[in-house]
Amino acid sequence: SGAANRGRIAPAPYPTLVVLPDDLVPPDCPWPIVLGLDPGTRIVGYGAIVLAPDGPRLLACGVLRPPSRLAAAARLARIAAELEEILRAVRPALVVVERAFAARNVQSALRIGEARGVALAAAARAGAPVVELAPAAAKKALVGHGGASKEQVAAMVAARLGRGELAVPHDATDALALALAHVHRSRFAEIGRGTGAGGTNGA
């Protein structure tokens, strides 16, 4: 079958099809998992973190890269199928999807919107709550300003996860940044509510 021919996550070159092991998350895992998704029609980044008591831990990350020879509809179908497999393996308590931003042209905006729709639908089918977060808001939460470069974001993601470097594409570190940023913002909102200060709602 097709599933039998697909390997697990491997080093570069990154696989077109990604399958996470069925036992990635133990059935009795006591800590919530947050999955970040950075959707695009050619590449989709994903990154999952475990919210352990001693801080967030990297669970899995990588990219989905459907063959460029496929038509747009076929690429979206491939992305949808792979996202369903990731959601099944990761079992996230929450999915954070990058919010749409102003694209350079209308065609790009439409394509990005299609990929976001696939990601949102896949998360909903898996029964996971979804939060949308703007790229600039994620960068500000992690790096301190919304204009941070992808390299700066990747470095901060690695630092937050206690790693010297993450040898993965920026699409993957962007996805991890979404997950980490949402957790960071949510905790500050809870602190604000607990002290009587005004909290924040997503941006």
N, C-alpha and C. Protein backbone atom coordinates (compact mmCIF):
# COMPACT_ATOMS: atom_id res chain seq x y z
N SER A 1 0.84 -1.19 0.00
CA SER A 1 0.00 0.00 0.00
C SER A 1 0.87 1.23 0.00
N GLY A 2 0.26 2.40 -0.25
CA GLY A 2 1.04 3.64 -0.25
C GLY A 2 1.65 3.92 1.10
N ALA A 3 0.88 3.65 2.19
CA ALA A 3 1.39 3.94 3.53
C ALA A 3 2.63 3.12 3.83
N ALA A 4 2.69 1.91 3.31
CA ALA A 4 3.82 1.05 3.60
C ALA A 4 5.10 1.56 2.96
N ASN A 5 4.98 2.36 1.93
CA ASN A 5 6.15 2.85 1.21
C ASN A 5 6.64 4.19 1.71
N ARG A 6 5.94 4.77 2.68
CA ARG A 6 6.32 6.10 3.15
C ARG A 6 7.16 5.98 4.41
N GLY A 7 8.27 6.70 4.45
CA GLY A 7 9.15 6.61 5.60
C GLY A 7 8.83 7.64 6.65
N ARG A 8 9.53 7.53 7.75
CA ARG A 8 9.39 8.52 8.81
C ARG A 8 10.19 9.77 8.45
N ILE A 9 10.13 10.75 9.34
CA ILE A 9 10.84 12.00 9.07
C ILE A 9 12.32 11.70 8.89
N ALA A 10 12.91 12.25 7.85
CA ALA A 10 14.31 11.99 7.55
C ALA A 10 15.03 13.31 7.34
N PRO A 11 16.37 13.32 7.41
CA PRO A 11 17.12 14.55 7.15
C PRO A 11 16.93 14.98 5.70
N ALA A 12 17.43 16.15 5.39
CA ALA A 12 17.36 16.65 4.02
C ALA A 12 17.98 15.64 3.06
N PRO A 13 17.46 15.46 1.84
CA PRO A 13 16.31 16.19 1.32
C PRO A 13 15.01 15.79 2.00
N TYR A 14 14.20 16.79 2.29
CA TYR A 14 12.98 16.54 3.04
C TYR A 14 11.99 15.72 2.22
N PRO A 15 11.33 14.75 2.84
CA PRO A 15 10.44 13.87 2.09
C PRO A 15 9.19 14.59 1.61
N THR A 16 8.69 14.14 0.49
CA THR A 16 7.44 14.70 -0.03
C THR A 16 6.28 14.28 0.85
N LEU A 17 6.31 13.04 1.30
CA LEU A 17 5.29 12.55 2.21
C LEU A 17 5.91 12.33 3.58
N VAL A 18 5.26 12.81 4.61
CA VAL A 18 5.77 12.69 5.96
C VAL A 18 4.80 11.85 6.77
N VAL A 19 5.32 10.84 7.44
CA VAL A 19 4.51 10.03 8.32
C VAL A 19 5.18 9.99 9.68
N LEU A 20 4.48 10.37 10.71
CA LEU A 20 5.00 10.31 12.07
C LEU A 20 4.65 8.96 12.67
N PRO A 21 5.50 8.43 13.54
CA PRO A 21 5.22 7.12 14.13
C PRO A 21 3.95 7.14 14.96
N ASP A 22 3.25 6.03 14.97
CA ASP A 22 1.99 5.95 15.70
C ASP A 22 2.18 6.14 17.20
N ASP A 23 3.36 5.79 17.71
CA ASP A 23 3.61 5.89 19.14
C ASP A 23 4.35 7.18 19.51
N LEU A 24 4.25 8.19 18.67
CA LEU A 24 4.94 9.45 18.93
C LEU A 24 4.51 10.05 20.27
N VAL A 25 3.21 10.01 20.54
CA VAL A 25 2.67 10.53 21.80
C VAL A 25 2.12 9.37 22.61
N PRO A 26 2.67 9.10 23.80
CA PRO A 26 2.14 8.00 24.62
C PRO A 26 0.68 8.25 24.98
N PRO A 27 -0.12 7.20 25.07
CA PRO A 27 -1.54 7.37 25.39
C PRO A 27 -1.77 8.10 26.72
N ASP A 28 -0.83 7.94 27.65
CA ASP A 28 -1.02 8.55 28.97
C ASP A 28 -0.23 9.84 29.13
N CYS A 29 0.13 10.49 28.02
CA CYS A 29 0.88 11.75 28.09
C CYS A 29 0.07 12.77 28.89
N PRO A 30 0.62 13.29 30.00
CA PRO A 30 -0.16 14.18 30.87
C PRO A 30 -0.12 15.64 30.46
N TRP A 31 0.69 15.97 29.46
CA TRP A 31 0.89 17.37 29.11
C TRP A 31 0.24 17.71 27.77
N PRO A 32 -0.32 18.91 27.66
CA PRO A 32 -0.97 19.30 26.39
C PRO A 32 0.06 19.53 25.29
N ILE A 33 -0.40 19.36 24.07
CA ILE A 33 0.44 19.54 22.88
C ILE A 33 -0.17 20.63 22.02
N VAL A 34 0.66 21.53 21.54
CA VAL A 34 0.22 22.61 20.66
C VAL A 34 0.92 22.43 19.31
N LEU A 35 0.13 22.46 18.25
CA LEU A 35 0.64 22.30 16.90
C LEU A 35 0.52 23.60 16.13
N GLY A 36 1.63 24.09 15.59
CA GLY A 36 1.61 25.27 14.75
C GLY A 36 1.66 24.89 13.28
N LEU A 37 0.90 25.60 12.45
CA LEU A 37 0.87 25.34 11.02
C LEU A 37 1.10 26.63 10.24
N ASP A 38 2.08 26.59 9.34
CA ASP A 38 2.39 27.73 8.47
C ASP A 38 2.04 27.31 7.04
N PRO A 39 0.80 27.58 6.61
CA PRO A 39 0.31 27.01 5.36
C PRO A 39 0.72 27.78 4.10
N GLY A 40 0.98 27.00 3.06
CA GLY A 40 1.21 27.53 1.72
C GLY A 40 0.83 26.46 0.73
N THR A 41 0.66 26.81 -0.52
CA THR A 41 0.26 25.80 -1.50
C THR A 41 1.43 24.97 -1.99
N ARG A 42 2.65 25.45 -1.83
CA ARG A 42 3.82 24.68 -2.26
C ARG A 42 4.55 24.04 -1.08
N ILE A 43 4.59 24.72 0.05
CA ILE A 43 5.23 24.19 1.24
C ILE A 43 4.37 24.54 2.45
N VAL A 44 4.16 23.57 3.32
CA VAL A 44 3.46 23.80 4.58
C VAL A 44 4.41 23.42 5.72
N GLY A 45 4.66 24.35 6.61
CA GLY A 45 5.48 24.06 7.77
C GLY A 45 4.61 23.62 8.93
N TYR A 46 5.11 22.67 9.70
CA TYR A 46 4.39 22.26 10.91
C TYR A 46 5.38 22.10 12.05
N GLY A 47 4.90 22.37 13.25
CA GLY A 47 5.75 22.24 14.43
C GLY A 47 4.90 22.00 15.66
N ALA A 48 5.21 20.94 16.39
CA ALA A 48 4.45 20.57 17.57
C ALA A 48 5.33 20.66 18.81
N ILE A 49 4.80 21.24 19.88
CA ILE A 49 5.52 21.34 21.14
C ILE A 49 4.68 20.73 22.25
N VAL A 50 5.37 20.19 23.25
CA VAL A 50 4.72 19.63 24.43
C VAL A 50 4.91 20.63 25.56
N LEU A 51 3.83 20.98 26.24
CA LEU A 51 3.91 21.95 27.33
C LEU A 51 4.21 21.23 28.64
N ALA A 52 5.46 20.88 28.83
CA ALA A 52 5.91 20.18 30.03
C ALA A 52 6.06 21.18 31.18
N PRO A 53 6.05 20.70 32.41
CA PRO A 53 6.16 21.61 33.56
C PRO A 53 7.45 22.43 33.56
N ASP A 54 8.54 21.89 33.01
CA ASP A 54 9.80 22.60 33.01
C ASP A 54 10.00 23.44 31.75
N GLY A 55 8.95 23.60 30.95
CA GLY A 55 9.03 24.41 29.75
C GLY A 55 8.67 23.63 28.50
N PRO A 56 8.46 24.33 27.40
CA PRO A 56 8.05 23.65 26.16
C PRO A 56 9.15 22.74 25.62
N ARG A 57 8.74 21.61 25.08
CA ARG A 57 9.67 20.66 24.48
C ARG A 57 9.27 20.40 23.04
N LEU A 58 10.26 20.23 22.19
CA LEU A 58 10.00 19.92 20.79
C LEU A 58 9.48 18.49 20.67
N LEU A 59 8.34 18.34 20.00
CA LEU A 59 7.81 17.01 19.73
C LEU A 59 8.11 16.58 18.31
N ALA A 60 7.77 17.42 17.34
CA ALA A 60 8.02 17.10 15.93
C ALA A 60 7.92 18.38 15.12
N CYS A 61 8.66 18.43 14.03
CA CYS A 61 8.54 19.56 13.12
C CYS A 61 9.07 19.15 11.75
N GLY A 62 8.68 19.90 10.74
CA GLY A 62 9.12 19.59 9.40
C GLY A 62 8.28 20.35 8.39
N VAL A 63 8.34 19.89 7.15
CA VAL A 63 7.58 20.54 6.09
C VAL A 63 6.86 19.49 5.25
N LEU A 64 5.75 19.92 4.70
CA LEU A 64 5.03 19.14 3.69
C LEU A 64 5.31 19.81 2.36
N ARG A 65 5.80 19.04 1.41
CA ARG A 65 6.19 19.61 0.13
C ARG A 65 5.62 18.75 -0.99
N PRO A 66 4.36 18.98 -1.37
CA PRO A 66 3.79 18.18 -2.46
C PRO A 66 4.52 18.44 -3.77
N PRO A 67 4.57 17.46 -4.65
CA PRO A 67 5.29 17.63 -5.92
C PRO A 67 4.80 18.85 -6.70
N SER A 68 5.72 19.64 -7.18
CA SER A 68 5.36 20.86 -7.90
C SER A 68 4.66 20.56 -9.22
N ARG A 69 4.84 19.34 -9.74
CA ARG A 69 4.20 19.00 -11.02
C ARG A 69 2.69 18.85 -10.88
N LEU A 70 2.21 18.70 -9.65
CA LEU A 70 0.77 18.52 -9.45
C LEU A 70 0.02 19.83 -9.68
N ALA A 71 -1.20 19.70 -10.14
CA ALA A 71 -2.06 20.87 -10.25
C ALA A 71 -2.43 21.37 -8.86
N ALA A 72 -2.89 22.61 -8.78
CA ALA A 72 -3.18 23.22 -7.48
C ALA A 72 -4.14 22.37 -6.66
N ALA A 73 -5.20 21.86 -7.28
CA ALA A 73 -6.17 21.07 -6.54
C ALA A 73 -5.55 19.79 -5.99
N ALA A 74 -4.69 19.17 -6.78
CA ALA A 74 -4.03 17.93 -6.34
C ALA A 74 -3.05 18.21 -5.21
N ARG A 75 -2.35 19.34 -5.28
CA ARG A 75 -1.44 19.70 -4.19
C ARG A 75 -2.21 19.90 -2.89
N LEU A 76 -3.34 20.57 -2.97
CA LEU A 76 -4.15 20.79 -1.78
C LEU A 76 -4.67 19.48 -1.21
N ALA A 77 -5.05 18.55 -2.09
CA ALA A 77 -5.52 17.25 -1.63
C ALA A 77 -4.41 16.49 -0.92
N ARG A 78 -3.18 16.57 -1.47
CA ARG A 78 -2.05 15.91 -0.84
C ARG A 78 -1.76 16.52 0.53
N ILE A 79 -1.81 17.85 0.60
CA ILE A 79 -1.59 18.54 1.88
C ILE A 79 -2.63 18.11 2.90
N ALA A 80 -3.88 18.05 2.48
CA ALA A 80 -4.96 17.66 3.39
C ALA A 80 -4.72 16.26 3.95
N ALA A 81 -4.32 15.33 3.10
CA ALA A 81 -4.09 13.96 3.54
C ALA A 81 -2.93 13.88 4.52
N GLU A 82 -1.86 14.62 4.25
CA GLU A 82 -0.70 14.59 5.13
C GLU A 82 -1.00 15.28 6.46
N LEU A 83 -1.75 16.36 6.42
CA LEU A 83 -2.11 17.04 7.67
C LEU A 83 -2.96 16.13 8.55
N GLU A 84 -3.84 15.36 7.95
CA GLU A 84 -4.65 14.43 8.74
C GLU A 84 -3.77 13.41 9.45
N GLU A 85 -2.72 12.94 8.77
CA GLU A 85 -1.81 11.98 9.40
C GLU A 85 -1.05 12.63 10.55
N ILE A 86 -0.60 13.87 10.35
CA ILE A 86 0.12 14.56 11.41
C ILE A 86 -0.78 14.80 12.61
N LEU A 87 -2.00 15.24 12.37
CA LEU A 87 -2.93 15.48 13.46
C LEU A 87 -3.25 14.19 14.23
N ARG A 88 -3.36 13.10 13.50
CA ARG A 88 -3.63 11.82 14.15
C ARG A 88 -2.47 11.41 15.06
N ALA A 89 -1.24 11.62 14.59
CA ALA A 89 -0.08 11.21 15.36
C ALA A 89 0.21 12.15 16.54
N VAL A 90 0.02 13.45 16.32
CA VAL A 90 0.38 14.43 17.33
C VAL A 90 -0.70 14.58 18.40
N ARG A 91 -1.97 14.45 18.00
CA ARG A 91 -3.10 14.59 18.91
C ARG A 91 -3.03 15.92 19.70
N PRO A 92 -3.03 17.05 18.98
CA PRO A 92 -2.86 18.33 19.66
C PRO A 92 -4.10 18.75 20.45
N ALA A 93 -3.84 19.43 21.56
CA ALA A 93 -4.93 20.04 22.32
C ALA A 93 -5.36 21.35 21.67
N LEU A 94 -4.48 21.91 20.84
CA LEU A 94 -4.76 23.18 20.17
C LEU A 94 -3.91 23.26 18.91
N VAL A 95 -4.49 23.86 17.87
CA VAL A 95 -3.77 24.09 16.62
C VAL A 95 -3.72 25.60 16.38
N VAL A 96 -2.52 26.11 16.11
CA VAL A 96 -2.34 27.53 15.82
C VAL A 96 -1.99 27.67 14.34
N VAL A 97 -2.84 28.35 13.59
CA VAL A 97 -2.66 28.51 12.14
C VAL A 97 -2.29 29.97 11.86
N GLU A 98 -1.32 30.15 10.99
CA GLU A 98 -0.93 31.52 10.64
C GLU A 98 -2.10 32.25 10.00
N ARG A 99 -2.40 33.43 10.51
CA ARG A 99 -3.49 34.24 9.97
C ARG A 99 -3.06 34.84 8.64
N ALA A 100 -4.03 35.04 7.76
CA ALA A 100 -3.74 35.61 6.44
C ALA A 100 -3.15 37.01 6.58
N PHE A 101 -2.21 37.31 5.71
CA PHE A 101 -1.62 38.64 5.68
C PHE A 101 -1.65 39.16 4.25
N ALA A 102 -1.32 40.42 4.07
CA ALA A 102 -1.38 41.03 2.74
C ALA A 102 -0.32 40.42 1.84
N ALA A 103 -0.75 39.73 0.80
CA ALA A 103 0.19 39.13 -0.15
C ALA A 103 0.58 40.15 -1.21
N ARG A 104 1.62 39.80 -1.97
CA ARG A 104 2.11 40.75 -2.98
C ARG A 104 1.14 40.91 -4.13
N ASN A 105 0.36 39.88 -4.43
CA ASN A 105 -0.61 40.01 -5.51
C ASN A 105 -1.84 39.18 -5.18
N VAL A 106 -2.89 39.40 -5.93
CA VAL A 106 -4.17 38.77 -5.66
C VAL A 106 -4.08 37.26 -5.80
N GLN A 107 -3.36 36.79 -6.82
CA GLN A 107 -3.24 35.35 -7.04
C GLN A 107 -2.57 34.66 -5.86
N SER A 108 -1.51 35.28 -5.33
CA SER A 108 -0.83 34.71 -4.16
C SER A 108 -1.76 34.67 -2.96
N ALA A 109 -2.53 35.74 -2.78
CA ALA A 109 -3.46 35.79 -1.66
C ALA A 109 -4.50 34.68 -1.76
N LEU A 110 -5.00 34.45 -2.97
CA LEU A 110 -5.98 33.40 -3.16
C LEU A 110 -5.40 32.03 -2.86
N ARG A 111 -4.18 31.76 -3.32
CA ARG A 111 -3.54 30.47 -3.09
C ARG A 111 -3.26 30.24 -1.61
N ILE A 112 -2.78 31.27 -0.93
CA ILE A 112 -2.53 31.14 0.50
C ILE A 112 -3.84 30.89 1.25
N GLY A 113 -4.89 31.58 0.81
CA GLY A 113 -6.20 31.37 1.43
C GLY A 113 -6.70 29.94 1.26
N GLU A 114 -6.42 29.36 0.10
CA GLU A 114 -6.82 27.97 -0.14
C GLU A 114 -6.08 27.03 0.81
N ALA A 115 -4.79 27.25 0.98
CA ALA A 115 -4.00 26.39 1.88
C ALA A 115 -4.44 26.56 3.32
N ARG A 116 -4.74 27.79 3.71
CA ARG A 116 -5.24 28.02 5.07
C ARG A 116 -6.56 27.30 5.29
N GLY A 117 -7.42 27.32 4.27
CA GLY A 117 -8.69 26.62 4.39
C GLY A 117 -8.51 25.14 4.61
N VAL A 118 -7.54 24.55 3.90
CA VAL A 118 -7.25 23.12 4.08
C VAL A 118 -6.78 22.86 5.51
N ALA A 119 -5.88 23.71 6.02
CA ALA A 119 -5.36 23.53 7.37
C ALA A 119 -6.46 23.68 8.42
N LEU A 120 -7.30 24.68 8.26
CA LEU A 120 -8.39 24.90 9.21
C LEU A 120 -9.37 23.73 9.20
N ALA A 121 -9.70 23.24 8.00
CA ALA A 121 -10.64 22.13 7.89
C ALA A 121 -10.06 20.85 8.48
N ALA A 122 -8.76 20.60 8.24
CA ALA A 122 -8.13 19.40 8.78
C ALA A 122 -8.14 19.41 10.30
N ALA A 123 -7.85 20.57 10.89
CA ALA A 123 -7.86 20.68 12.35
C ALA A 123 -9.27 20.47 12.90
N ALA A 124 -10.25 21.05 12.22
CA ALA A 124 -11.63 20.89 12.68
C ALA A 124 -12.08 19.44 12.58
N ARG A 125 -11.70 18.75 11.50
CA ARG A 125 -12.05 17.34 11.34
C ARG A 125 -11.43 16.49 12.45
N ALA A 126 -10.26 16.91 12.92
CA ALA A 126 -9.59 16.17 13.99
C ALA A 126 -10.14 16.51 15.37
N GLY A 127 -11.05 17.49 15.42
CA GLY A 127 -11.65 17.87 16.69
C GLY A 127 -10.79 18.77 17.54
N ALA A 128 -9.78 19.39 16.94
CA ALA A 128 -8.87 20.26 17.70
C ALA A 128 -9.32 21.71 17.62
N PRO A 129 -9.34 22.41 18.74
CA PRO A 129 -9.62 23.85 18.69
C PRO A 129 -8.55 24.56 17.87
N VAL A 130 -8.94 25.65 17.21
CA VAL A 130 -8.03 26.37 16.33
C VAL A 130 -7.93 27.82 16.76
N VAL A 131 -6.71 28.33 16.76
CA VAL A 131 -6.44 29.74 17.00
C VAL A 131 -5.67 30.26 15.80
N GLU A 132 -5.97 31.46 15.36
CA GLU A 132 -5.24 32.07 14.25
C GLU A 132 -4.38 33.20 14.79
N LEU A 133 -3.15 33.26 14.32
CA LEU A 133 -2.20 34.25 14.83
C LEU A 133 -1.45 34.88 13.65
N ALA A 134 -1.39 36.20 13.64
CA ALA A 134 -0.69 36.91 12.56
C ALA A 134 0.81 36.71 12.69
N PRO A 135 1.53 36.65 11.56
CA PRO A 135 2.99 36.47 11.62
C PRO A 135 3.69 37.53 12.46
N ALA A 136 3.27 38.79 12.30
CA ALA A 136 3.92 39.87 13.05
C ALA A 136 3.69 39.71 14.56
N ALA A 137 2.51 39.22 14.94
CA ALA A 137 2.23 39.02 16.36
C ALA A 137 3.09 37.91 16.93
N ALA A 138 3.31 36.86 16.15
CA ALA A 138 4.17 35.76 16.60
C ALA A 138 5.61 36.25 16.76
N LYS A 139 6.09 37.02 15.79
CA LYS A 139 7.45 37.54 15.87
C LYS A 139 7.62 38.47 17.07
N LYS A 140 6.64 39.31 17.31
CA LYS A 140 6.73 40.23 18.44
C LYS A 140 6.76 39.48 19.76
N ALA A 141 5.95 38.44 19.88
CA ALA A 141 5.90 37.67 21.12
C ALA A 141 7.22 36.97 21.41
N LEU A 142 7.89 36.50 20.36
CA LEU A 142 9.13 35.74 20.56
C LEU A 142 10.38 36.60 20.54
N VAL A 143 10.46 37.49 19.57
CA VAL A 143 11.70 38.25 19.36
C VAL A 143 11.62 39.65 19.95
N GLY A 144 10.40 40.19 20.05
CA GLY A 144 10.25 41.52 20.61
C GLY A 144 9.80 42.58 19.62
N HIS A 145 9.83 42.23 18.33
CA HIS A 145 9.33 43.18 17.32
C HIS A 145 8.79 42.39 16.13
N GLY A 146 7.77 42.94 15.49
CA GLY A 146 7.07 42.24 14.42
C GLY A 146 7.80 42.17 13.11
N GLY A 147 8.95 42.85 12.99
CA GLY A 147 9.68 42.83 11.74
C GLY A 147 10.90 41.92 11.77
N ALA A 148 10.94 41.00 12.72
CA ALA A 148 12.09 40.10 12.85
C ALA A 148 12.27 39.25 11.60
N SER A 149 13.51 38.93 11.27
CA SER A 149 13.80 38.09 10.12
C SER A 149 13.52 36.63 10.46
N LYS A 150 13.44 35.81 9.42
CA LYS A 150 13.23 34.38 9.64
C LYS A 150 14.40 33.76 10.41
N GLU A 151 15.60 34.26 10.17
CA GLU A 151 16.77 33.76 10.89
C GLU A 151 16.67 34.09 12.37
N GLN A 152 16.22 35.30 12.70
CA GLN A 152 16.05 35.68 14.10
C GLN A 152 14.97 34.84 14.77
N VAL A 153 13.89 34.60 14.05
CA VAL A 153 12.82 33.77 14.59
C VAL A 153 13.32 32.35 14.85
N ALA A 154 14.05 31.79 13.89
CA ALA A 154 14.56 30.43 14.03
C ALA A 154 15.50 30.32 15.23
N ALA A 155 16.35 31.33 15.42
CA ALA A 155 17.28 31.31 16.55
C ALA A 155 16.54 31.37 17.89
N MET A 156 15.51 32.20 17.94
CA MET A 156 14.75 32.32 19.19
C MET A 156 13.95 31.05 19.47
N VAL A 157 13.39 30.44 18.43
CA VAL A 157 12.67 29.18 18.61
C VAL A 157 13.60 28.12 19.19
N ALA A 158 14.80 28.01 18.63
CA ALA A 158 15.77 27.03 19.13
C ALA A 158 16.11 27.31 20.59
N ALA A 159 16.29 28.59 20.92
CA ALA A 159 16.63 28.94 22.30
C ALA A 159 15.49 28.60 23.25
N ARG A 160 14.25 28.89 22.85
CA ARG A 160 13.10 28.60 23.71
C ARG A 160 12.94 27.11 23.95
N LEU A 161 13.36 26.31 22.98
CA LEU A 161 13.24 24.86 23.09
C LEU A 161 14.50 24.21 23.65
N GLY A 162 15.45 25.05 24.08
CA GLY A 162 16.66 24.53 24.69
C GLY A 162 17.59 23.84 23.74
N ARG A 163 17.62 24.31 22.49
CA ARG A 163 18.48 23.70 21.48
C ARG A 163 19.39 24.76 20.88
N GLY A 164 20.59 24.33 20.54
CA GLY A 164 21.52 25.26 19.94
C GLY A 164 21.11 25.67 18.54
N GLU A 165 20.55 24.73 17.80
CA GLU A 165 20.15 25.00 16.42
C GLU A 165 19.15 23.94 15.98
N LEU A 166 18.23 24.34 15.13
CA LEU A 166 17.27 23.41 14.54
C LEU A 166 17.55 23.33 13.05
N ALA A 167 18.04 22.21 12.59
CA ALA A 167 18.40 22.04 11.17
C ALA A 167 17.18 21.67 10.35
N VAL A 168 16.23 22.59 10.30
CA VAL A 168 15.00 22.39 9.54
C VAL A 168 14.71 23.66 8.75
N PRO A 169 13.88 23.61 7.72
CA PRO A 169 13.57 24.81 6.94
C PRO A 169 12.87 25.87 7.78
N HIS A 170 12.92 27.10 7.31
CA HIS A 170 12.28 28.20 8.03
C HIS A 170 10.77 28.02 8.11
N ASP A 171 10.18 27.30 7.16
CA ASP A 171 8.74 27.06 7.25
C ASP A 171 8.42 26.28 8.52
N ALA A 172 9.31 25.37 8.91
CA ALA A 172 9.10 24.58 10.12
C ALA A 172 9.32 25.42 11.38
N THR A 173 10.38 26.24 11.40
CA THR A 173 10.59 27.08 12.57
C THR A 173 9.53 28.17 12.68
N ASP A 174 9.00 28.63 11.55
CA ASP A 174 7.88 29.58 11.60
C ASP A 174 6.66 28.93 12.25
N ALA A 175 6.42 27.67 11.93
CA ALA A 175 5.29 26.95 12.52
C ALA A 175 5.49 26.77 14.02
N LEU A 176 6.71 26.41 14.42
CA LEU A 176 7.01 26.29 15.85
C LEU A 176 6.85 27.64 16.55
N ALA A 177 7.23 28.72 15.86
CA ALA A 177 7.09 30.06 16.42
C ALA A 177 5.63 30.38 16.71
N LEU A 178 4.74 29.96 15.83
CA LEU A 178 3.31 30.20 16.06
C LEU A 178 2.85 29.52 17.35
N ALA A 179 3.26 28.26 17.53
CA ALA A 179 2.86 27.52 18.72
C ALA A 179 3.44 28.17 19.98
N LEU A 180 4.73 28.47 19.94
CA LEU A 180 5.38 29.07 21.11
C LEU A 180 4.82 30.46 21.42
N ALA A 181 4.57 31.25 20.39
CA ALA A 181 4.05 32.60 20.60
C ALA A 181 2.67 32.57 21.23
N HIS A 182 1.82 31.65 20.77
CA HIS A 182 0.48 31.58 21.35
C HIS A 182 0.56 31.22 22.83
N VAL A 183 1.41 30.26 23.17
CA VAL A 183 1.56 29.88 24.57
C VAL A 183 2.08 31.07 25.39
N HIS A 184 3.06 31.78 24.86
CA HIS A 184 3.64 32.94 25.54
C HIS A 184 2.58 34.01 25.77
N ARG A 185 1.82 34.33 24.73
CA ARG A 185 0.79 35.37 24.84
C ARG A 185 -0.33 34.94 25.78
N SER A 186 -0.69 33.67 25.75
CA SER A 186 -1.77 33.18 26.60
C SER A 186 -1.38 33.27 28.07
N ARG A 187 -0.14 32.93 28.38
CA ARG A 187 0.31 32.99 29.76
C ARG A 187 0.34 34.41 30.28
N PHE A 188 0.76 35.36 29.43
CA PHE A 188 0.75 36.74 29.85
C PHE A 188 -0.67 37.25 30.05
N ALA A 189 -1.60 36.78 29.21
CA ALA A 189 -3.00 37.18 29.37
C ALA A 189 -3.55 36.65 30.69
N GLU A 190 -3.20 35.42 31.05
CA GLU A 190 -3.66 34.84 32.31
C GLU A 190 -3.09 35.60 33.50
N ILE A 191 -1.80 35.98 33.40
CA ILE A 191 -1.20 36.77 34.48
C ILE A 191 -1.91 38.10 34.62
N GLY A 192 -2.23 38.72 33.46
CA GLY A 192 -2.93 40.00 33.49
C GLY A 192 -4.29 39.90 34.14
N ARG A 193 -5.03 38.85 33.81
CA ARG A 193 -6.36 38.66 34.41
C ARG A 193 -6.25 38.38 35.91
N GLY A 194 -5.21 37.66 36.27
CA GLY A 194 -5.05 37.31 37.69
C GLY A 194 -4.68 38.50 38.55
N THR A 195 -4.03 39.53 37.95
CA THR A 195 -3.61 40.70 38.73
C THR A 195 -4.54 41.88 38.51
N GLY A 196 -5.59 41.66 37.69
CA GLY A 196 -6.53 42.73 37.46
C GLY A 196 -6.18 43.61 36.28
N ALA A 197 -5.05 43.32 35.61
CA ALA A 197 -4.66 44.10 34.44
C ALA A 197 -5.39 43.58 33.22
N GLY A 198 -5.42 44.36 32.19
CA GLY A 198 -6.10 43.94 30.97
C GLY A 198 -5.31 42.90 30.22
N GLY A 199 -5.95 41.82 29.82
CA GLY A 199 -5.27 40.78 29.03
C GLY A 199 -5.31 41.11 27.56
N THR A 200 -4.82 40.19 26.75
CA THR A 200 -4.81 40.39 25.29
C THR A 200 -5.62 39.31 24.63
N ASN A 201 -6.20 39.62 23.50
CA ASN A 201 -6.91 38.60 22.73
C ASN A 201 -6.12 38.37 21.46
N GLY A 202 -6.02 37.60 20.68
CA GLY A 202 -5.11 37.41 19.55
C GLY A 202 -5.09 38.57 18.59
N ALA A 203 -4.03 38.68 17.86
CA ALA A 203 -3.90 39.77 16.88
C ALA A 203 -3.61 39.20 15.53
